Amino acid sequence: MTLNPDSAILWSSLGAYLEELAESGVDGFPVGDEICLLSPLARPVIPESAKSATVPSKPAAEVGEGPESLEKIRKTLGDCQRCKLGKTRKNLVFGVGNPQARLVFVGEGPGADEDAKGEPFVGAAGKVLNRLITNMGLKREEVYICNIVKCRPPGNRDPEPDEVATCSPFLRRQLQSINPEVIVALGKPAAQTLLGTNDAISRLRGKFRDFNGIPLMPTYHPSFLLRKQGEGSTDAFWEVWDDMTQVLRLLKLQVPDKNRKS
């Protein structure tokens, strides 16, 4: 089939546009209230007759100048009722911190304190996380903190598969927007969701894994450290500290000297 000149220009323009989207990291498009996740954009076959066509460059405003902003993602979520958690929550808990953070912490879901305030990790487990961040020589506002699901599961239970499937695409968009140098997955649900595995957190922690080209360190959730502290054990804390030491070294940041008592 022979393309007329107008068709040739259209094919060439479409090919260039799709390539620009792929290079900018776009991997999905919203459809109505649902999120349609697409496989990586394939390069279309452009007829030889179209390759020589002169196509004006698209204005930057049309093709986008980078990944979507966290503000835009939050606006897309709106008063989210996409899963059953929307019916029982008080506040949607999106995320907090530096939108250009080098380091992102990802937990499983909001608890009662987070649900009441609309901010992640502000309860007892949040205090443990804050101490950990401070011990790393960092400030809470320097990193970014979010969860797999944005609404509190009743009774602080683990998020259920359908809830994770509905909400995790928004997390992935957050991570794509921030594009951190390192991600820390706090606890089993976060690690298993991001890595697509059923392995126990005790097997996953202590070694960097790959998340779409970003190093990801799985480690224990702060609530687990609280339980172990209540049992009089500090072993879990030192395991987490070993994990964070690796994170600091990868970020080329100074590792504070901690006195480890036997």
Foldseek 3Di string as FASTA:
>chain_A
DDDDQVVLQVLVVVQVLLVLCLVQPDQWDDDPLATGGHDRDDRDDHDPVSVPDDHDDDPCVVSDDHADFLVVLVVSCPLNPPDPLSVVFQAFQAKAADLQAQEEEEEAEADPVCSVVSYHLPDPLSVLVQVVQVLQVHHRRRYMYYYLARGADPPNDGDDPVRSVRRNVSVVSSCRSNVHQEYEYEADVRVCSQVVDNDHLVVQADDWDDRPNHTYGYAYRSVVCVVCVVVVDCVRVVSVLSRVQVVCVSVVHDNDDDDDDD
